[in-house]
N, C-alpha and C. Protein backbone atom coordinates (compact mmCIF):
# COMPACT_ATOMS: atom_id res chain seq x y z
N MET A 1 -10.10 74.32 -12.92
CA MET A 1 -10.66 75.70 -12.76
C MET A 1 -12.09 75.74 -13.13
N PHE A 2 -12.83 76.47 -12.31
CA PHE A 2 -14.25 76.65 -12.63
C PHE A 2 -14.50 78.09 -13.22
N ALA A 3 -15.59 78.26 -13.93
CA ALA A 3 -15.93 79.47 -14.52
C ALA A 3 -16.35 80.52 -13.54
N LYS A 4 -16.92 80.10 -12.43
CA LYS A 4 -17.38 81.03 -11.41
C LYS A 4 -17.08 80.54 -10.08
N TYR A 5 -16.75 81.42 -9.12
CA TYR A 5 -16.48 81.10 -7.74
C TYR A 5 -17.36 81.96 -6.83
N PHE A 6 -17.73 81.34 -5.70
CA PHE A 6 -18.77 81.98 -4.79
C PHE A 6 -18.17 82.17 -3.42
N THR A 7 -18.68 83.22 -2.81
CA THR A 7 -18.49 83.38 -1.29
C THR A 7 -19.69 82.67 -0.69
N PRO A 8 -19.59 82.39 0.60
CA PRO A 8 -20.89 81.80 1.21
C PRO A 8 -22.05 82.77 1.06
N LYS A 9 -21.85 84.06 1.17
CA LYS A 9 -22.96 85.02 1.06
C LYS A 9 -23.58 84.97 -0.39
N GLU A 10 -22.67 84.85 -1.39
CA GLU A 10 -23.21 84.76 -2.73
C GLU A 10 -23.99 83.50 -2.96
N ALA A 11 -23.49 82.37 -2.45
CA ALA A 11 -24.16 81.11 -2.55
C ALA A 11 -25.59 81.16 -1.91
N ASN A 12 -25.57 81.74 -0.71
CA ASN A 12 -26.82 81.80 0.06
C ASN A 12 -27.91 82.71 -0.61
N ARG A 13 -27.39 83.82 -1.30
CA ARG A 13 -28.31 84.60 -1.99
C ARG A 13 -28.96 83.93 -3.16
N LEU A 14 -28.30 82.95 -3.68
CA LEU A 14 -28.85 82.21 -4.85
C LEU A 14 -29.79 81.12 -4.43
N LEU A 15 -29.80 80.67 -3.18
CA LEU A 15 -30.64 79.59 -2.75
C LEU A 15 -32.13 79.77 -3.11
N PRO A 16 -32.77 80.93 -2.98
CA PRO A 16 -34.19 80.99 -3.42
C PRO A 16 -34.45 80.62 -4.89
N VAL A 17 -33.45 80.77 -5.64
CA VAL A 17 -33.59 80.35 -7.13
C VAL A 17 -33.35 78.89 -7.25
N LEU A 18 -32.43 78.32 -6.49
CA LEU A 18 -32.04 76.94 -6.60
C LEU A 18 -32.99 75.96 -5.90
N LYS A 19 -33.55 76.35 -4.84
CA LYS A 19 -34.42 75.37 -4.13
C LYS A 19 -35.48 74.78 -4.86
N PRO A 20 -36.28 75.57 -5.69
CA PRO A 20 -37.34 74.93 -6.52
C PRO A 20 -36.74 73.96 -7.57
N ILE A 21 -35.61 74.37 -8.07
CA ILE A 21 -34.98 73.47 -9.13
C ILE A 21 -34.55 72.12 -8.47
N VAL A 22 -33.94 72.21 -7.30
CA VAL A 22 -33.43 70.98 -6.62
C VAL A 22 -34.65 70.14 -6.15
N THR A 23 -35.71 70.79 -5.78
CA THR A 23 -36.90 70.09 -5.26
C THR A 23 -37.43 69.28 -6.51
N GLU A 24 -37.50 69.94 -7.69
CA GLU A 24 -37.98 69.21 -8.81
C GLU A 24 -37.04 68.06 -9.31
N ILE A 25 -35.77 68.31 -9.23
CA ILE A 25 -34.82 67.22 -9.59
C ILE A 25 -35.06 66.06 -8.66
N LEU A 26 -35.19 66.30 -7.39
CA LEU A 26 -35.38 65.11 -6.39
C LEU A 26 -36.72 64.40 -6.72
N ALA A 27 -37.76 65.10 -6.95
CA ALA A 27 -39.07 64.53 -7.22
C ALA A 27 -39.03 63.65 -8.47
N LYS A 28 -38.42 64.23 -9.55
CA LYS A 28 -38.38 63.50 -10.76
C LYS A 28 -37.40 62.30 -10.68
N GLY A 29 -36.30 62.49 -9.98
CA GLY A 29 -35.34 61.39 -9.81
C GLY A 29 -35.85 60.32 -8.93
N LYS A 30 -36.61 60.57 -7.86
CA LYS A 30 -37.25 59.57 -7.07
C LYS A 30 -38.27 58.76 -7.84
N LYS A 31 -39.07 59.52 -8.64
CA LYS A 31 -40.10 58.79 -9.42
C LYS A 31 -39.50 57.90 -10.41
N LEU A 32 -38.44 58.35 -11.09
CA LEU A 32 -37.72 57.60 -12.15
C LEU A 32 -37.17 56.30 -11.44
N ARG A 33 -36.45 56.47 -10.31
CA ARG A 33 -35.91 55.31 -9.64
C ARG A 33 -36.95 54.28 -9.16
N SER A 34 -38.12 54.78 -8.73
CA SER A 34 -39.18 53.99 -8.23
C SER A 34 -39.75 53.13 -9.49
N LEU A 35 -39.97 53.80 -10.61
CA LEU A 35 -40.50 53.17 -11.73
C LEU A 35 -39.57 52.10 -12.26
N MET A 36 -38.26 52.44 -12.27
CA MET A 36 -37.23 51.52 -12.82
C MET A 36 -37.12 50.29 -11.88
N LYS A 37 -37.27 50.51 -10.59
CA LYS A 37 -37.19 49.41 -9.56
C LYS A 37 -38.37 48.50 -9.75
N ALA A 38 -39.60 49.09 -10.04
CA ALA A 38 -40.74 48.25 -10.17
C ALA A 38 -40.73 47.41 -11.47
N ASP A 39 -40.07 48.08 -12.51
CA ASP A 39 -40.05 47.43 -13.81
C ASP A 39 -38.66 47.77 -14.43
N PRO A 40 -37.66 46.89 -14.39
CA PRO A 40 -36.39 47.18 -14.96
C PRO A 40 -36.34 47.57 -16.38
N GLU A 41 -37.31 47.01 -17.15
CA GLU A 41 -37.39 47.37 -18.58
C GLU A 41 -37.85 48.75 -18.81
N PHE A 42 -38.43 49.40 -17.78
CA PHE A 42 -38.82 50.79 -17.90
C PHE A 42 -37.70 51.74 -18.28
N ALA A 43 -36.48 51.39 -17.87
CA ALA A 43 -35.34 52.19 -18.12
C ALA A 43 -35.11 52.45 -19.60
N ALA A 44 -35.49 51.52 -20.45
CA ALA A 44 -35.34 51.72 -21.91
C ALA A 44 -36.58 52.44 -22.57
N SER A 45 -37.53 52.69 -21.83
CA SER A 45 -38.78 53.28 -22.37
C SER A 45 -38.60 54.71 -22.76
N PRO A 46 -39.41 55.14 -23.71
CA PRO A 46 -39.43 56.61 -24.16
C PRO A 46 -39.80 57.49 -22.99
N GLU A 47 -40.65 57.04 -22.01
CA GLU A 47 -41.08 57.85 -20.86
C GLU A 47 -39.84 58.03 -19.96
N ALA A 48 -39.02 57.00 -19.77
CA ALA A 48 -37.86 57.06 -18.89
C ALA A 48 -36.88 58.00 -19.53
N MET A 49 -36.69 57.98 -20.83
CA MET A 49 -35.79 58.79 -21.56
C MET A 49 -36.23 60.26 -21.41
N LYS A 50 -37.50 60.45 -21.43
CA LYS A 50 -38.05 61.88 -21.25
C LYS A 50 -37.77 62.37 -19.87
N MET A 51 -37.98 61.51 -18.92
CA MET A 51 -37.76 61.91 -17.51
C MET A 51 -36.25 62.23 -17.25
N GLN A 52 -35.35 61.39 -17.77
CA GLN A 52 -33.94 61.61 -17.73
C GLN A 52 -33.55 62.95 -18.38
N GLU A 53 -34.17 63.20 -19.50
CA GLU A 53 -33.79 64.49 -20.21
C GLU A 53 -34.30 65.69 -19.28
N ALA A 54 -35.46 65.58 -18.63
CA ALA A 54 -35.97 66.58 -17.88
C ALA A 54 -35.01 66.83 -16.64
N ILE A 55 -34.51 65.75 -16.07
CA ILE A 55 -33.57 65.91 -14.94
C ILE A 55 -32.24 66.51 -15.48
N SER A 56 -31.81 66.15 -16.67
CA SER A 56 -30.63 66.73 -17.26
C SER A 56 -30.84 68.30 -17.47
N ASP A 57 -31.97 68.62 -17.97
CA ASP A 57 -32.22 70.02 -18.19
C ASP A 57 -32.23 70.89 -16.91
N LEU A 58 -32.78 70.24 -15.86
CA LEU A 58 -32.78 70.93 -14.53
C LEU A 58 -31.37 71.07 -13.94
N THR A 59 -30.53 70.04 -14.09
CA THR A 59 -29.20 70.09 -13.58
C THR A 59 -28.45 71.13 -14.50
N SER A 60 -28.77 71.26 -15.71
CA SER A 60 -28.09 72.31 -16.49
C SER A 60 -28.46 73.65 -16.03
N ASP A 61 -29.73 73.80 -15.56
CA ASP A 61 -30.11 75.07 -15.03
C ASP A 61 -29.23 75.43 -13.82
N LEU A 62 -28.93 74.46 -12.94
CA LEU A 62 -28.03 74.75 -11.82
C LEU A 62 -26.63 75.09 -12.26
N GLU A 63 -26.17 74.34 -13.29
CA GLU A 63 -24.81 74.71 -13.89
C GLU A 63 -24.75 76.03 -14.53
N GLN A 64 -25.79 76.50 -15.07
CA GLN A 64 -25.86 77.84 -15.65
C GLN A 64 -25.71 78.90 -14.56
N ASN A 65 -26.04 78.58 -13.36
CA ASN A 65 -25.95 79.42 -12.20
C ASN A 65 -24.66 79.33 -11.53
N GLY A 66 -23.79 78.38 -12.03
CA GLY A 66 -22.43 78.18 -11.55
C GLY A 66 -22.26 77.13 -10.54
N CYS A 67 -23.29 76.32 -10.16
CA CYS A 67 -23.16 75.30 -9.24
C CYS A 67 -23.50 73.95 -9.77
N PHE A 68 -23.33 72.90 -8.98
CA PHE A 68 -23.47 71.56 -9.47
C PHE A 68 -24.25 70.66 -8.53
N PHE A 69 -25.19 69.86 -9.14
CA PHE A 69 -25.94 68.80 -8.46
C PHE A 69 -25.13 67.62 -8.16
N LYS A 70 -25.13 67.14 -6.96
CA LYS A 70 -24.21 66.02 -6.67
C LYS A 70 -24.98 64.83 -5.94
N ASP A 71 -26.21 64.75 -5.99
CA ASP A 71 -26.98 63.64 -5.28
C ASP A 71 -27.68 62.75 -6.22
N TRP A 72 -27.00 61.84 -6.89
CA TRP A 72 -27.56 61.07 -7.90
C TRP A 72 -28.36 59.82 -7.38
N ASN A 73 -28.43 59.72 -6.06
CA ASN A 73 -29.31 58.83 -5.40
C ASN A 73 -30.61 59.51 -5.05
N PHE A 74 -30.71 60.79 -5.38
CA PHE A 74 -31.92 61.60 -5.25
C PHE A 74 -32.49 61.55 -3.76
N GLU A 75 -31.58 61.66 -2.78
CA GLU A 75 -32.09 61.51 -1.41
C GLU A 75 -32.21 62.86 -0.68
N VAL A 76 -31.13 63.69 -0.79
CA VAL A 76 -31.15 64.95 -0.01
C VAL A 76 -30.90 66.23 -0.87
N GLY A 77 -30.59 66.03 -2.13
CA GLY A 77 -30.35 67.20 -2.97
C GLY A 77 -29.10 68.04 -2.61
N LEU A 78 -27.99 67.38 -2.92
CA LEU A 78 -26.68 68.07 -2.63
C LEU A 78 -26.28 68.99 -3.79
N VAL A 79 -25.79 70.19 -3.42
CA VAL A 79 -25.35 71.21 -4.48
C VAL A 79 -24.02 71.66 -4.02
N ASP A 80 -23.02 71.70 -4.94
CA ASP A 80 -21.73 72.26 -4.69
C ASP A 80 -21.54 73.59 -5.39
N PHE A 81 -20.88 74.50 -4.71
CA PHE A 81 -20.56 75.87 -5.26
C PHE A 81 -19.04 76.04 -5.26
N PRO A 82 -18.42 76.15 -6.30
CA PRO A 82 -16.96 76.34 -6.38
C PRO A 82 -16.57 77.69 -5.64
N ALA A 83 -15.48 77.62 -4.88
CA ALA A 83 -15.03 78.78 -4.09
C ALA A 83 -13.45 78.72 -4.08
N ILE A 84 -12.87 79.79 -3.89
CA ILE A 84 -11.41 79.87 -3.64
C ILE A 84 -11.13 80.47 -2.25
N VAL A 85 -10.48 79.75 -1.44
CA VAL A 85 -10.18 80.16 -0.14
C VAL A 85 -8.70 79.99 0.12
N ASP A 86 -8.07 81.08 0.46
CA ASP A 86 -6.61 81.04 0.75
C ASP A 86 -5.88 80.44 -0.42
N ASP A 87 -6.25 80.81 -1.69
CA ASP A 87 -5.71 80.36 -2.90
C ASP A 87 -5.86 78.90 -3.18
N GLU A 88 -6.84 78.31 -2.56
CA GLU A 88 -7.15 76.90 -2.83
C GLU A 88 -8.63 76.72 -3.27
N GLU A 89 -8.86 75.91 -4.32
CA GLU A 89 -10.17 75.65 -4.73
C GLU A 89 -10.83 74.66 -3.77
N VAL A 90 -12.04 75.05 -3.34
CA VAL A 90 -12.80 74.17 -2.48
C VAL A 90 -14.28 74.26 -3.05
N LEU A 91 -15.13 73.46 -2.44
CA LEU A 91 -16.56 73.42 -2.80
C LEU A 91 -17.46 73.75 -1.62
N LEU A 92 -18.15 74.85 -1.64
CA LEU A 92 -19.11 75.14 -0.67
C LEU A 92 -20.23 74.00 -0.90
N CYS A 93 -20.77 73.51 0.17
CA CYS A 93 -21.61 72.31 0.00
C CYS A 93 -23.03 72.62 0.73
N TRP A 94 -24.10 72.49 0.04
CA TRP A 94 -25.37 72.63 0.51
C TRP A 94 -26.26 71.44 0.36
N ARG A 95 -27.04 71.13 1.42
CA ARG A 95 -28.07 70.12 1.23
C ARG A 95 -29.42 70.80 1.18
N SER A 96 -30.37 70.27 0.44
CA SER A 96 -31.68 71.00 0.33
C SER A 96 -32.47 71.03 1.64
N ASP A 97 -32.04 70.29 2.59
CA ASP A 97 -32.69 70.35 3.91
C ASP A 97 -32.05 71.25 4.91
N GLU A 98 -31.02 72.08 4.40
CA GLU A 98 -30.31 73.00 5.17
C GLU A 98 -30.79 74.43 4.83
N GLY A 99 -30.84 75.34 5.77
CA GLY A 99 -31.39 76.67 5.48
C GLY A 99 -30.38 77.56 4.84
N GLU A 100 -29.09 77.23 5.03
CA GLU A 100 -27.97 78.11 4.43
C GLU A 100 -26.83 77.14 4.00
N VAL A 101 -25.95 77.81 3.23
CA VAL A 101 -24.75 77.21 2.90
C VAL A 101 -23.72 77.45 4.01
N LEU A 102 -23.47 76.44 4.81
CA LEU A 102 -22.55 76.58 5.98
C LEU A 102 -21.53 75.48 6.00
N TRP A 103 -21.31 74.72 4.93
CA TRP A 103 -20.35 73.66 4.93
C TRP A 103 -19.58 73.74 3.68
N TYR A 104 -18.38 73.04 3.68
CA TYR A 104 -17.51 73.00 2.47
C TYR A 104 -16.74 71.74 2.50
N HIS A 105 -16.10 71.43 1.43
CA HIS A 105 -15.08 70.32 1.44
C HIS A 105 -14.18 70.56 0.23
N GLY A 106 -13.04 69.81 0.33
CA GLY A 106 -12.06 69.95 -0.79
C GLY A 106 -12.65 69.41 -2.03
N VAL A 107 -12.03 69.82 -3.16
CA VAL A 107 -12.54 69.37 -4.47
C VAL A 107 -12.51 67.92 -4.63
N ASP A 108 -11.59 67.24 -4.03
CA ASP A 108 -11.48 65.77 -4.19
C ASP A 108 -12.01 65.03 -2.97
N ASP A 109 -12.46 65.71 -1.94
CA ASP A 109 -12.95 65.08 -0.79
C ASP A 109 -14.36 64.58 -0.78
N GLY A 110 -15.19 65.27 -1.52
CA GLY A 110 -16.60 64.86 -1.57
C GLY A 110 -17.39 65.08 -0.24
N TYR A 111 -18.58 64.62 -0.20
CA TYR A 111 -19.53 64.89 0.94
C TYR A 111 -18.88 64.34 2.27
N ALA A 112 -18.21 63.22 2.21
CA ALA A 112 -17.57 62.64 3.46
C ALA A 112 -16.60 63.58 4.10
N GLY A 113 -16.05 64.54 3.27
CA GLY A 113 -15.07 65.44 3.88
C GLY A 113 -15.64 66.79 4.25
N ARG A 114 -16.96 66.85 4.38
CA ARG A 114 -17.63 68.18 4.75
C ARG A 114 -17.14 68.67 6.12
N ARG A 115 -16.82 69.94 6.12
CA ARG A 115 -16.49 70.67 7.33
C ARG A 115 -17.26 71.93 7.46
N PRO A 116 -17.51 72.45 8.64
CA PRO A 116 -18.16 73.73 8.81
C PRO A 116 -17.38 74.87 8.25
N VAL A 117 -18.05 75.73 7.60
CA VAL A 117 -17.40 76.93 7.04
C VAL A 117 -16.94 77.78 8.24
N PRO A 118 -15.57 78.09 8.24
CA PRO A 118 -15.06 78.94 9.33
C PRO A 118 -15.85 80.29 9.41
N GLU A 119 -15.98 80.78 10.61
CA GLU A 119 -16.71 82.03 10.79
C GLU A 119 -16.14 83.18 9.88
N TYR A 120 -14.80 83.29 9.82
CA TYR A 120 -14.27 84.38 9.01
C TYR A 120 -14.55 84.33 7.52
N TRP A 121 -14.97 83.12 7.02
CA TRP A 121 -15.40 83.08 5.60
C TRP A 121 -16.77 83.76 5.42
N LEU A 122 -17.48 83.99 6.44
CA LEU A 122 -18.83 84.55 6.35
C LEU A 122 -18.77 86.10 6.38
N LEU A 123 -17.54 86.66 6.52
CA LEU A 123 -17.32 88.04 6.60
C LEU A 123 -17.07 88.65 5.25
N ASP A 124 -16.32 89.73 5.16
CA ASP A 124 -16.01 90.46 3.97
C ASP A 124 -15.29 89.54 2.90
N MET A 125 -15.51 89.84 1.65
CA MET A 125 -14.95 89.15 0.57
C MET A 125 -13.39 89.10 0.61
N LYS A 126 -12.80 90.12 1.04
CA LYS A 126 -11.33 90.33 1.14
C LYS A 126 -10.88 89.29 2.10
N GLU A 127 -11.56 89.08 3.27
CA GLU A 127 -11.12 88.15 4.27
C GLU A 127 -11.43 86.74 3.85
N PHE A 128 -12.29 86.55 2.81
CA PHE A 128 -12.59 85.23 2.29
C PHE A 128 -11.54 84.75 1.35
N GLY A 129 -10.58 85.60 1.00
CA GLY A 129 -9.56 85.14 0.08
C GLY A 129 -9.64 85.71 -1.27
N ARG A 130 -10.57 86.69 -1.51
CA ARG A 130 -10.78 87.30 -2.80
C ARG A 130 -10.50 88.86 -2.65
N SER A 131 -9.80 89.41 -3.54
CA SER A 131 -9.55 90.85 -3.40
C SER A 131 -10.40 91.58 -4.34
């Protein structure tokens, strides 16, 4: 069980707040990976620890908004939003290069199980499975 559940409309309304956070996570993550690839000993340095802490703080910012960062390769910035549809927990799934939250997957399916959000989910909250 998650503390908060979203409709697609609620998730989309939150994107202006989340986009800058995800952009910063991706930038810091890519830089950290690049520095560690160039010098494997960098991973144990105080600078690397500081960078990891900054990424952790940013992902905590996402979690405080009720969603979760899922792209630890720092390639496209995946964010999942818990939702309940037809009495089943699912995750609305957004990539930072997408304009809206229009995909979802089962809690255990992950990105490979992404499917388009059915049209009726984009309607009224009652039709989305919440009363």
